[in-house]
């Protein structure tokens, strides 16, 4: 598992993760232990939000060099909170291909992308809140 969090206001990032071996051993991954680079993007025709949809994940200490791609690009969802906020986010199944210690590997993954900066008031919510 790998994660990257970003503060839209300050631009600061927080990254980390874990690697579970076939022997059920857990190794903590600090931000310096891996690189997660977006390679391609998809723009939602509904929300116009731009999401990364292909990544390269490298974990040199564990011997991984992987490509992560969605099964289908359009996995955007919309969450409506308290009739006041619409939050668009992308989450879904991805396929993984690449190498582990130089040998080919394949697998599946689940990716979630949220962006609090994209939260927008639902239609009419601002007027209702003003009453």
N, C-alpha and C. Protein backbone atom coordinates (compact mmCIF):
# COMPACT_ATOMS: atom_id res chain seq x y z
N UNK A 1 0.85 -1.16 0.00
CA UNK A 1 0.00 0.00 0.00
C UNK A 1 0.90 1.23 0.00
N UNK A 2 0.53 2.20 -0.80
CA UNK A 2 1.23 3.48 -0.82
C UNK A 2 0.21 4.60 -0.83
N UNK A 3 0.54 5.70 -0.17
CA UNK A 3 -0.37 6.85 -0.19
C UNK A 3 0.42 8.14 -0.34
N UNK A 4 -0.26 9.12 -0.92
CA UNK A 4 0.25 10.48 -1.02
C UNK A 4 -0.89 11.42 -0.68
N UNK A 5 -0.67 12.28 0.29
CA UNK A 5 -1.65 13.30 0.67
C UNK A 5 -1.03 14.65 0.40
N UNK A 6 -1.86 15.59 -0.07
CA UNK A 6 -1.34 16.91 -0.38
C UNK A 6 -2.29 17.96 0.17
N UNK A 7 -1.71 18.97 0.81
CA UNK A 7 -2.47 20.10 1.32
C UNK A 7 -2.58 21.12 0.18
N UNK A 8 -3.78 21.34 -0.34
CA UNK A 8 -3.97 22.27 -1.46
C UNK A 8 -3.60 23.70 -1.11
N UNK A 9 -3.66 24.07 0.13
CA UNK A 9 -3.37 25.44 0.53
C UNK A 9 -1.86 25.67 0.66
N UNK A 10 -1.19 24.76 1.37
CA UNK A 10 0.25 24.96 1.62
C UNK A 10 1.14 24.27 0.58
N UNK A 11 0.57 23.29 -0.14
CA UNK A 11 1.36 22.53 -1.11
C UNK A 11 2.19 21.44 -0.46
N UNK A 12 2.12 21.29 0.86
CA UNK A 12 2.89 20.26 1.56
C UNK A 12 2.34 18.88 1.24
N UNK A 13 3.24 17.89 1.22
CA UNK A 13 2.85 16.51 0.95
C UNK A 13 3.21 15.61 2.11
N UNK A 14 2.44 14.55 2.27
CA UNK A 14 2.69 13.51 3.25
C UNK A 14 2.53 12.19 2.52
N UNK A 15 3.57 11.37 2.53
CA UNK A 15 3.54 10.10 1.81
C UNK A 15 4.07 9.00 2.70
N UNK A 16 3.65 7.78 2.41
CA UNK A 16 4.13 6.63 3.15
C UNK A 16 3.46 5.37 2.63
N UNK A 17 3.65 4.30 3.35
CA UNK A 17 3.03 3.06 2.94
C UNK A 17 3.56 1.87 3.70
N UNK A 18 3.18 0.68 3.23
CA UNK A 18 3.60 -0.58 3.82
C UNK A 18 3.83 -1.60 2.72
N UNK A 19 4.74 -2.52 2.97
CA UNK A 19 4.95 -3.65 2.07
C UNK A 19 4.80 -4.92 2.90
N UNK A 20 3.86 -5.78 2.49
CA UNK A 20 3.66 -7.06 3.15
C UNK A 20 4.25 -8.14 2.27
N UNK A 21 5.19 -8.89 2.79
CA UNK A 21 5.86 -9.92 2.01
C UNK A 21 5.03 -11.20 1.97
N UNK A 22 5.45 -12.13 1.13
CA UNK A 22 4.79 -13.44 1.04
C UNK A 22 4.93 -14.19 2.37
N UNK A 23 5.90 -13.82 3.18
CA UNK A 23 6.11 -14.44 4.50
C UNK A 23 5.33 -13.70 5.59
N UNK A 24 4.45 -12.79 5.18
CA UNK A 24 3.61 -12.00 6.09
C UNK A 24 4.44 -11.06 6.96
N UNK A 25 5.54 -10.59 6.43
CA UNK A 25 6.36 -9.60 7.13
C UNK A 25 5.98 -8.22 6.62
N UNK A 26 5.89 -7.27 7.54
CA UNK A 26 5.49 -5.91 7.19
C UNK A 26 6.69 -4.97 7.26
N UNK A 27 6.92 -4.21 6.19
CA UNK A 27 7.96 -3.19 6.17
C UNK A 27 7.31 -1.84 5.94
N UNK A 28 7.57 -0.89 6.83
CA UNK A 28 7.05 0.47 6.68
C UNK A 28 7.80 1.16 5.54
N UNK A 29 7.08 1.92 4.72
CA UNK A 29 7.68 2.70 3.64
C UNK A 29 7.54 4.18 3.96
N UNK A 30 8.67 4.85 4.08
CA UNK A 30 8.67 6.30 4.25
C UNK A 30 8.57 6.95 2.87
N UNK A 31 8.32 8.23 2.83
CA UNK A 31 8.18 8.95 1.56
C UNK A 31 9.40 8.76 0.67
N UNK A 32 10.58 8.70 1.25
CA UNK A 32 11.81 8.55 0.47
C UNK A 32 12.00 7.14 -0.09
N UNK A 33 11.18 6.19 0.36
CA UNK A 33 11.34 4.79 -0.06
C UNK A 33 10.67 4.44 -1.38
N UNK A 34 9.81 5.32 -1.90
CA UNK A 34 9.12 5.01 -3.14
C UNK A 34 8.87 6.27 -3.96
N UNK A 35 8.64 6.04 -5.25
CA UNK A 35 8.24 7.13 -6.15
C UNK A 35 6.93 6.71 -6.80
N UNK A 36 5.95 7.59 -6.75
CA UNK A 36 4.66 7.38 -7.39
C UNK A 36 4.46 8.56 -8.33
N UNK A 37 4.56 8.29 -9.64
CA UNK A 37 4.54 9.35 -10.64
C UNK A 37 3.34 9.18 -11.56
N UNK A 38 2.47 10.19 -11.66
CA UNK A 38 1.36 10.10 -12.62
C UNK A 38 1.90 10.21 -14.05
N UNK A 39 1.41 9.34 -14.94
CA UNK A 39 1.87 9.33 -16.33
C UNK A 39 0.80 9.78 -17.31
N UNK A 40 -0.46 9.57 -16.99
CA UNK A 40 -1.57 9.97 -17.87
C UNK A 40 -2.71 10.51 -17.02
N UNK A 41 -3.54 11.35 -17.67
CA UNK A 41 -4.66 11.97 -16.98
C UNK A 41 -5.95 11.76 -17.77
N UNK A 42 -7.07 11.84 -17.08
CA UNK A 42 -8.40 11.73 -17.68
C UNK A 42 -9.22 12.90 -17.16
N UNK A 43 -10.00 13.53 -18.03
CA UNK A 43 -10.87 14.64 -17.64
C UNK A 43 -12.32 14.15 -17.68
N UNK A 44 -13.00 14.30 -16.57
CA UNK A 44 -14.39 13.88 -16.47
C UNK A 44 -15.27 14.75 -17.36
N UNK A 45 -16.08 14.14 -18.23
CA UNK A 45 -16.99 14.95 -19.05
C UNK A 45 -18.10 15.59 -18.20
N UNK A 46 -18.39 15.03 -17.02
CA UNK A 46 -19.45 15.56 -16.17
C UNK A 46 -18.96 16.70 -15.29
N UNK A 47 -17.88 16.47 -14.53
CA UNK A 47 -17.42 17.48 -13.58
C UNK A 47 -16.29 18.36 -14.11
N UNK A 48 -15.68 17.95 -15.21
CA UNK A 48 -14.51 18.64 -15.79
C UNK A 48 -13.26 18.52 -14.90
N UNK A 49 -13.34 17.69 -13.86
CA UNK A 49 -12.19 17.45 -12.98
C UNK A 49 -11.15 16.60 -13.71
N UNK A 50 -9.87 16.92 -13.50
CA UNK A 50 -8.77 16.19 -14.12
C UNK A 50 -8.16 15.25 -13.09
N UNK A 51 -8.13 13.95 -13.44
CA UNK A 51 -7.61 12.92 -12.54
C UNK A 51 -6.43 12.19 -13.17
N UNK A 52 -5.41 11.86 -12.38
CA UNK A 52 -4.38 10.96 -12.91
C UNK A 52 -4.99 9.56 -13.05
N UNK A 53 -4.67 8.86 -14.14
CA UNK A 53 -5.23 7.53 -14.35
C UNK A 53 -4.19 6.49 -14.78
N UNK A 54 -2.94 6.85 -14.70
CA UNK A 54 -1.87 5.87 -14.93
C UNK A 54 -0.67 6.35 -14.13
N UNK A 55 -0.08 5.43 -13.38
CA UNK A 55 1.03 5.78 -12.51
C UNK A 55 2.16 4.78 -12.66
N UNK A 56 3.36 5.25 -12.36
CA UNK A 56 4.50 4.36 -12.21
C UNK A 56 4.86 4.39 -10.73
N UNK A 57 4.90 3.20 -10.13
CA UNK A 57 5.25 3.06 -8.73
C UNK A 57 6.56 2.28 -8.65
N UNK A 58 7.57 2.92 -8.10
CA UNK A 58 8.87 2.27 -7.90
C UNK A 58 9.17 2.20 -6.41
N UNK A 59 9.54 1.00 -5.96
CA UNK A 59 9.96 0.78 -4.58
C UNK A 59 11.31 0.07 -4.66
N UNK A 60 12.39 0.82 -4.83
CA UNK A 60 13.70 0.20 -5.04
C UNK A 60 14.12 -0.78 -3.94
N UNK A 61 13.86 -0.45 -2.68
CA UNK A 61 14.29 -1.32 -1.58
C UNK A 61 13.60 -2.69 -1.60
N UNK A 62 12.45 -2.76 -2.25
CA UNK A 62 11.71 -4.02 -2.34
C UNK A 62 11.79 -4.63 -3.74
N UNK A 63 12.46 -3.95 -4.66
CA UNK A 63 12.65 -4.48 -6.01
C UNK A 63 11.47 -4.32 -6.95
N UNK A 64 10.54 -3.38 -6.67
CA UNK A 64 9.36 -3.20 -7.51
C UNK A 64 9.50 -2.04 -8.49
N UNK A 65 9.04 -2.28 -9.71
CA UNK A 65 8.88 -1.23 -10.73
C UNK A 65 7.56 -1.56 -11.42
N UNK A 66 6.51 -0.80 -11.12
CA UNK A 66 5.14 -1.16 -11.52
C UNK A 66 4.44 -0.05 -12.28
N UNK A 67 3.53 -0.46 -13.17
CA UNK A 67 2.59 0.45 -13.82
C UNK A 67 1.21 0.12 -13.27
N UNK A 68 0.46 1.17 -12.92
CA UNK A 68 -0.90 1.01 -12.39
C UNK A 68 -1.83 1.75 -13.33
N UNK A 69 -2.83 1.03 -13.86
CA UNK A 69 -3.78 1.61 -14.82
C UNK A 69 -5.20 1.19 -14.46
N UNK A 70 -6.18 2.09 -14.62
CA UNK A 70 -7.56 1.72 -14.31
C UNK A 70 -8.11 0.69 -15.31
N UNK A 71 -9.01 -0.14 -14.81
CA UNK A 71 -9.71 -1.07 -15.69
C UNK A 71 -10.53 -0.28 -16.70
N UNK A 72 -11.19 0.78 -16.23
CA UNK A 72 -11.85 1.76 -17.11
C UNK A 72 -11.54 3.15 -16.53
N UNK A 73 -11.29 4.15 -17.38
CA UNK A 73 -10.94 5.48 -16.84
C UNK A 73 -12.07 6.17 -16.07
N UNK A 74 -13.31 6.02 -16.53
CA UNK A 74 -14.41 6.75 -15.90
C UNK A 74 -14.92 6.01 -14.67
N UNK A 75 -14.26 6.28 -13.53
CA UNK A 75 -14.70 5.72 -12.26
C UNK A 75 -14.93 6.85 -11.25
N UNK A 76 -15.38 7.99 -11.80
CA UNK A 76 -15.68 9.14 -10.96
C UNK A 76 -17.02 8.94 -10.26
N UNK A 77 -17.06 9.32 -9.00
CA UNK A 77 -18.28 9.25 -8.21
C UNK A 77 -18.57 10.63 -7.65
N UNK A 78 -19.81 10.83 -7.23
CA UNK A 78 -20.21 12.11 -6.65
C UNK A 78 -20.86 11.83 -5.31
N UNK A 79 -20.39 12.52 -4.29
CA UNK A 79 -20.94 12.39 -2.95
C UNK A 79 -21.60 13.72 -2.58
N UNK A 80 -22.86 13.64 -2.24
CA UNK A 80 -23.58 14.85 -1.84
C UNK A 80 -23.73 14.83 -0.33
N UNK A 81 -23.19 15.84 0.34
CA UNK A 81 -23.19 15.90 1.79
C UNK A 81 -24.17 16.95 2.29
N UNK A 82 -25.14 16.53 3.06
CA UNK A 82 -26.08 17.44 3.72
C UNK A 82 -26.73 18.43 2.77
N UNK A 83 -26.95 18.07 1.55
CA UNK A 83 -27.57 18.93 0.54
C UNK A 83 -26.81 20.23 0.34
N UNK A 84 -25.59 20.33 0.84
CA UNK A 84 -24.85 21.58 0.74
C UNK A 84 -23.54 21.46 -0.04
N UNK A 85 -23.00 20.25 -0.13
CA UNK A 85 -21.69 20.10 -0.76
C UNK A 85 -21.72 18.91 -1.72
N UNK A 86 -21.22 19.15 -2.92
CA UNK A 86 -21.01 18.07 -3.88
C UNK A 86 -19.51 17.79 -3.92
N UNK A 87 -19.12 16.56 -3.66
CA UNK A 87 -17.71 16.18 -3.70
C UNK A 87 -17.54 15.14 -4.81
N UNK A 88 -16.77 15.50 -5.83
CA UNK A 88 -16.43 14.56 -6.88
C UNK A 88 -15.13 13.87 -6.50
N UNK A 89 -15.08 12.58 -6.68
CA UNK A 89 -13.86 11.84 -6.41
C UNK A 89 -13.78 10.65 -7.36
N UNK A 90 -12.59 10.11 -7.47
CA UNK A 90 -12.34 8.99 -8.39
C UNK A 90 -11.85 7.83 -7.55
N UNK A 91 -12.48 6.68 -7.73
CA UNK A 91 -11.99 5.48 -7.06
C UNK A 91 -12.40 4.26 -7.85
N UNK A 92 -11.52 3.28 -7.86
CA UNK A 92 -11.89 2.07 -8.55
C UNK A 92 -10.76 1.09 -8.76
N UNK A 93 -11.12 0.02 -9.48
CA UNK A 93 -10.20 -1.08 -9.76
C UNK A 93 -9.16 -0.67 -10.77
N UNK A 94 -7.95 -1.13 -10.53
CA UNK A 94 -6.84 -0.92 -11.45
C UNK A 94 -6.09 -2.23 -11.66
N UNK A 95 -5.42 -2.32 -12.78
CA UNK A 95 -4.56 -3.48 -13.03
C UNK A 95 -3.12 -3.03 -12.84
N UNK A 96 -2.29 -3.95 -12.42
CA UNK A 96 -0.89 -3.68 -12.15
C UNK A 96 -0.04 -4.62 -12.99
N UNK A 97 0.96 -4.04 -13.67
CA UNK A 97 1.94 -4.84 -14.41
C UNK A 97 3.31 -4.27 -14.09
N UNK A 98 4.33 -5.08 -14.24
CA UNK A 98 5.68 -4.59 -14.00
C UNK A 98 6.62 -5.70 -13.63
N UNK A 99 7.61 -5.33 -12.80
CA UNK A 99 8.60 -6.32 -12.40
C UNK A 99 8.85 -6.26 -10.90
N UNK A 100 9.21 -7.42 -10.35
CA UNK A 100 9.66 -7.54 -8.97
C UNK A 100 10.99 -8.27 -9.01
N UNK A 101 12.04 -7.57 -8.63
CA UNK A 101 13.40 -8.12 -8.73
C UNK A 101 13.70 -8.62 -10.13
N UNK A 102 13.22 -7.86 -11.13
CA UNK A 102 13.50 -8.18 -12.53
C UNK A 102 12.60 -9.21 -13.17
N UNK A 103 11.68 -9.81 -12.40
CA UNK A 103 10.77 -10.83 -12.94
C UNK A 103 9.40 -10.21 -13.16
N UNK A 104 8.72 -10.57 -14.26
CA UNK A 104 7.39 -10.01 -14.54
C UNK A 104 6.37 -10.36 -13.46
N UNK A 105 5.54 -9.38 -13.11
CA UNK A 105 4.45 -9.58 -12.16
C UNK A 105 3.20 -8.89 -12.67
N UNK A 106 2.05 -9.38 -12.27
CA UNK A 106 0.77 -8.74 -12.57
C UNK A 106 -0.08 -8.79 -11.30
N UNK A 107 -1.07 -7.93 -11.26
CA UNK A 107 -1.96 -7.94 -10.11
C UNK A 107 -3.07 -6.93 -10.27
N UNK A 108 -3.80 -6.74 -9.20
CA UNK A 108 -4.90 -5.79 -9.15
C UNK A 108 -4.66 -4.82 -8.01
N UNK A 109 -5.24 -3.64 -8.12
CA UNK A 109 -5.14 -2.67 -7.04
C UNK A 109 -6.42 -1.85 -6.99
N UNK A 110 -6.55 -1.09 -5.92
CA UNK A 110 -7.68 -0.19 -5.75
C UNK A 110 -7.10 1.18 -5.48
N UNK A 111 -7.58 2.19 -6.20
CA UNK A 111 -7.07 3.55 -6.08
C UNK A 111 -8.20 4.48 -5.70
N UNK A 112 -7.91 5.42 -4.81
CA UNK A 112 -8.89 6.44 -4.44
C UNK A 112 -8.22 7.80 -4.55
N UNK A 113 -8.88 8.73 -5.23
CA UNK A 113 -8.37 10.08 -5.40
C UNK A 113 -9.47 11.05 -4.97
N UNK A 114 -9.17 11.84 -3.95
CA UNK A 114 -10.10 12.88 -3.52
C UNK A 114 -9.37 14.21 -3.55
N UNK A 115 -10.13 15.25 -3.71
CA UNK A 115 -9.54 16.59 -3.74
C UNK A 115 -10.52 17.54 -3.05
N UNK A 116 -10.29 17.82 -1.78
CA UNK A 116 -11.22 18.70 -1.08
C UNK A 116 -11.40 20.06 -1.75
N UNK A 117 -10.42 20.50 -2.51
CA UNK A 117 -10.53 21.77 -3.22
C UNK A 117 -11.58 21.74 -4.30
N UNK A 118 -12.04 20.54 -4.67
CA UNK A 118 -13.04 20.44 -5.73
C UNK A 118 -14.46 20.46 -5.18
N UNK A 119 -14.61 20.46 -3.86
CA UNK A 119 -15.96 20.49 -3.29
C UNK A 119 -16.63 21.80 -3.64
N UNK A 120 -17.84 21.70 -4.18
CA UNK A 120 -18.58 22.89 -4.59
C UNK A 120 -19.98 22.83 -4.02
N UNK A 121 -20.55 23.96 -3.69
CA UNK A 121 -21.92 23.95 -3.17
C UNK A 121 -22.89 23.35 -4.18
N UNK A 122 -23.83 22.58 -3.66
CA UNK A 122 -24.88 22.04 -4.54
C UNK A 122 -25.78 23.19 -4.96
N UNK A 123 -26.45 23.03 -6.08
CA UNK A 123 -27.35 24.08 -6.57
C UNK A 123 -28.40 24.41 -5.53
N UNK A 124 -28.54 25.68 -5.24
CA UNK A 124 -29.55 26.11 -4.30
C UNK A 124 -29.15 26.02 -2.84
N UNK A 125 -28.06 25.34 -2.54
CA UNK A 125 -27.68 25.15 -1.15
C UNK A 125 -27.26 26.47 -0.49
N UNK A 126 -26.55 27.31 -1.23
CA UNK A 126 -26.11 28.59 -0.66
C UNK A 126 -27.31 29.46 -0.34
N UNK A 127 -28.30 29.48 -1.22
CA UNK A 127 -29.49 30.28 -0.97
C UNK A 127 -30.28 29.72 0.22
N UNK A 128 -30.36 28.40 0.32
CA UNK A 128 -31.07 27.80 1.44
C UNK A 128 -30.36 28.08 2.75
N UNK A 129 -29.02 28.05 2.74
CA UNK A 129 -28.24 28.30 3.96
C UNK A 129 -28.38 29.76 4.40
N UNK A 130 -28.62 30.67 3.46
CA UNK A 130 -28.71 32.10 3.77
C UNK A 130 -30.04 32.45 4.43
N UNK A 131 -31.05 31.57 4.30
CA UNK A 131 -32.38 31.85 4.87
C UNK A 131 -32.41 31.66 6.35
